[in-house]
Amino acid sequence: MANHVSSLKRARQDIKKRDRNRAEKSSMRTALKRVHDAIASGQQDVAQDAFLQATSFLARAGQKNIIHAKQASRRISRLNASIKAMAA
């Protein structure tokens, strides 16, 4: 356990940050799940709408370093490719 005032404050800040990151990551996973479910069921219009929302969550998570920025970009690219493959 922290003893100094500054380390106690740091510990409090870390708890808040962890909770925010956890909520953000959970929302991102839910959005991705919606896209994957729509793709699996073959509903292209639903998948496209879910993809737009998931893109926002992924980009935000990449900017906030919740996931790596290149991982966010890669996931967006792969989702887009799978939606386009449905149309073909």
C-alpha atoms as a PDB file:
ATOM      1  CA  MET A   1       0.000   0.000   0.000  1.00  0.00           C
ATOM      2  CA  ALA A   2       1.170   3.513  -0.764  1.00  0.00           C
ATOM      3  CA  ASN A   3       2.412   5.668   2.106  1.00  0.00           C
ATOM      4  CA  HIS A   4       3.260   9.065   0.674  1.00  0.00           C
ATOM      5  CA  VAL A   5       0.583  11.597  -0.175  1.00  0.00           C
ATOM      6  CA  SER A   6       1.623  11.727  -3.808  1.00  0.00           C
ATOM      7  CA  SER A   7       1.597   7.942  -4.167  1.00  0.00           C
ATOM      8  CA  LEU A   8      -1.831   7.738  -2.498  1.00  0.00           C
ATOM      9  CA  LYS A   9      -3.141  10.269  -5.008  1.00  0.00           C
ATOM     10  CA  ARG A  10      -1.552   8.318  -7.855  1.00  0.00           C
ATOM     11  CA  ALA A  11      -3.261   5.145  -6.638  1.00  0.00           C
ATOM     12  CA  ARG A  12      -6.639   6.933  -6.557  1.00  0.00           C
ATOM     13  CA  GLN A  13      -6.106   8.236 -10.084  1.00  0.00           C
ATOM     14  CA  ASP A  14      -5.130   4.772 -11.314  1.00  0.00           C
ATOM     15  CA  ILE A  15      -8.380   3.299  -9.981  1.00  0.00           C
ATOM     16  CA  LYS A  16     -10.429   5.940 -11.811  1.00  0.00           C
ATOM     17  CA  LYS A  17      -8.450   5.446 -15.005  1.00  0.00           C
ATOM     18  CA  ARG A  18      -8.793   1.662 -14.821  1.00  0.00           C
ATOM     19  CA  ASP A  19     -12.568   1.942 -14.424  1.00  0.00           C
ATOM     20  CA  ARG A  20     -12.851   4.321 -17.391  1.00  0.00           C
ATOM     21  CA  ASN A  21     -10.666   2.089 -19.576  1.00  0.00           C
ATOM     22  CA  ARG A  22     -12.609  -0.996 -18.555  1.00  0.00           C
ATOM     23  CA  ALA A  23     -15.926   0.633 -19.509  1.00  0.00           C
ATOM     24  CA  GLU A  24     -14.537   1.901 -22.818  1.00  0.00           C
ATOM     25  CA  LYS A  25     -13.111  -1.507 -23.711  1.00  0.00           C
ATOM     26  CA  SER A  26     -16.368  -3.223 -22.811  1.00  0.00           C
ATOM     27  CA  SER A  27     -18.353  -0.870 -25.065  1.00  0.00           C
ATOM     28  CA  MET A  28     -15.885  -1.499 -27.869  1.00  0.00           C
ATOM     29  CA  ARG A  29     -16.227  -5.273 -27.513  1.00  0.00           C
ATOM     30  CA  THR A  30     -20.030  -5.023 -27.539  1.00  0.00           C
ATOM     31  CA  ALA A  31     -19.949  -2.951 -30.728  1.00  0.00           C
ATOM     32  CA  LEU A  32     -17.629  -5.483 -32.373  1.00  0.00           C
ATOM     33  CA  LYS A  33     -19.898  -8.311 -31.301  1.00  0.00           C
ATOM     34  CA  ARG A  34     -22.872  -6.614 -32.983  1.00  0.00           C
ATOM     35  CA  VAL A  35     -20.939  -6.351 -36.248  1.00  0.00           C
ATOM     36  CA  HIS A  36     -19.795  -9.976 -36.132  1.00  0.00           C
ATOM     37  CA  ASP A  37     -23.326 -11.189 -35.360  1.00  0.00           C
ATOM     38  CA  ALA A  38     -24.757  -9.193 -38.267  1.00  0.00           C
ATOM     39  CA  ILE A  39     -22.100 -10.554 -40.624  1.00  0.00           C
ATOM     40  CA  ALA A  40     -22.748 -14.127 -39.458  1.00  0.00           C
ATOM     41  CA  SER A  41     -26.492 -13.745 -40.020  1.00  0.00           C
ATOM     42  CA  GLY A  42     -25.923 -12.244 -43.490  1.00  0.00           C
ATOM     43  CA  GLN A  43     -27.640  -8.911 -42.819  1.00  0.00           C
ATOM     44  CA  GLN A  44     -25.489  -6.474 -44.752  1.00  0.00           C
ATOM     45  CA  ASP A  45     -27.430  -3.284 -43.961  1.00  0.00           C
ATOM     46  CA  VAL A  46     -27.436  -4.049 -40.224  1.00  0.00           C
ATOM     47  CA  ALA A  47     -23.736  -4.934 -40.409  1.00  0.00           C
ATOM     48  CA  GLN A  48     -22.969  -1.624 -42.137  1.00  0.00           C
ATOM     49  CA  ASP A  49     -24.775   0.383 -39.446  1.00  0.00           C
ATOM     50  CA  ALA A  50     -23.071  -1.574 -36.669  1.00  0.00           C
ATOM     51  CA  PHE A  51     -19.728  -1.134 -38.448  1.00  0.00           C
ATOM     52  CA  LEU A  52     -20.041   2.650 -38.373  1.00  0.00           C
ATOM     53  CA  GLN A  53     -20.602   2.582 -34.626  1.00  0.00           C
ATOM     54  CA  ALA A  54     -17.808   0.059 -34.046  1.00  0.00           C
ATOM     55  CA  THR A  55     -15.409   2.193 -36.086  1.00  0.00           C
ATOM     56  CA  SER A  56     -16.025   5.075 -33.727  1.00  0.00           C
ATOM     57  CA  PHE A  57     -15.380   2.925 -30.652  1.00  0.00           C
ATOM     58  CA  LEU A  58     -12.232   1.404 -32.136  1.00  0.00           C
ATOM     59  CA  ALA A  59     -10.770   4.735 -33.239  1.00  0.00           C
ATOM     60  CA  ARG A  60     -11.441   6.280 -29.845  1.00  0.00           C
ATOM     61  CA  ALA A  61      -9.883   3.305 -28.042  1.00  0.00           C
ATOM     62  CA  GLY A  62      -6.818   3.586 -30.279  1.00  0.00           C
ATOM     63  CA  GLN A  63      -6.442   7.293 -29.580  1.00  0.00           C
ATOM     64  CA  LYS A  64      -6.763   6.800 -25.824  1.00  0.00           C
ATOM     65  CA  ASN A  65      -4.237   3.923 -25.821  1.00  0.00           C
ATOM     66  CA  ILE A  66      -6.805   1.463 -24.538  1.00  0.00           C
ATOM     67  CA  ILE A  67      -5.702  -0.674 -27.470  1.00  0.00           C
ATOM     68  CA  HIS A  68      -2.769   0.013 -29.737  1.00  0.00           C
ATOM     69  CA  ALA A  69      -3.538   2.467 -32.527  1.00  0.00           C
ATOM     70  CA  LYS A  70      -2.391   0.049 -35.226  1.00  0.00           C
ATOM     71  CA  GLN A  71      -4.540  -2.701 -33.745  1.00  0.00           C
ATOM     72  CA  ALA A  72      -7.559  -0.394 -33.982  1.00  0.00           C
ATOM     73  CA  SER A  73      -6.726   0.376 -37.605  1.00  0.00           C
ATOM     74  CA  ARG A  74      -6.243  -3.307 -38.421  1.00  0.00           C
ATOM     75  CA  ARG A  75      -9.567  -4.292 -36.839  1.00  0.00           C
ATOM     76  CA  ILE A  76     -11.427  -1.559 -38.730  1.00  0.00           C
ATOM     77  CA  SER A  77      -9.825  -2.673 -41.982  1.00  0.00           C
ATOM     78  CA  ARG A  78     -10.699  -6.336 -41.442  1.00  0.00           C
ATOM     79  CA  LEU A  79     -14.290  -5.553 -40.497  1.00  0.00           C
ATOM     80  CA  ASN A  80     -14.684  -3.405 -43.598  1.00  0.00           C
ATOM     81  CA  ALA A  81     -13.243  -6.138 -45.797  1.00  0.00           C
ATOM     82  CA  SER A  82     -15.616  -8.734 -44.376  1.00  0.00           C
ATOM     83  CA  ILE A  83     -18.631  -6.464 -44.965  1.00  0.00           C
ATOM     84  CA  LYS A  84     -17.522  -5.820 -48.533  1.00  0.00           C
ATOM     85  CA  ALA A  85     -17.088  -9.558 -49.062  1.00  0.00           C
ATOM     86  CA  MET A  86     -20.768 -10.009 -48.135  1.00  0.00           C
ATOM     87  CA  ALA A  87     -21.787  -7.777 -51.035  1.00  0.00           C
ATOM     88  CA  ALA A  88     -19.730  -9.717 -53.557  1.00  0.00           C
END
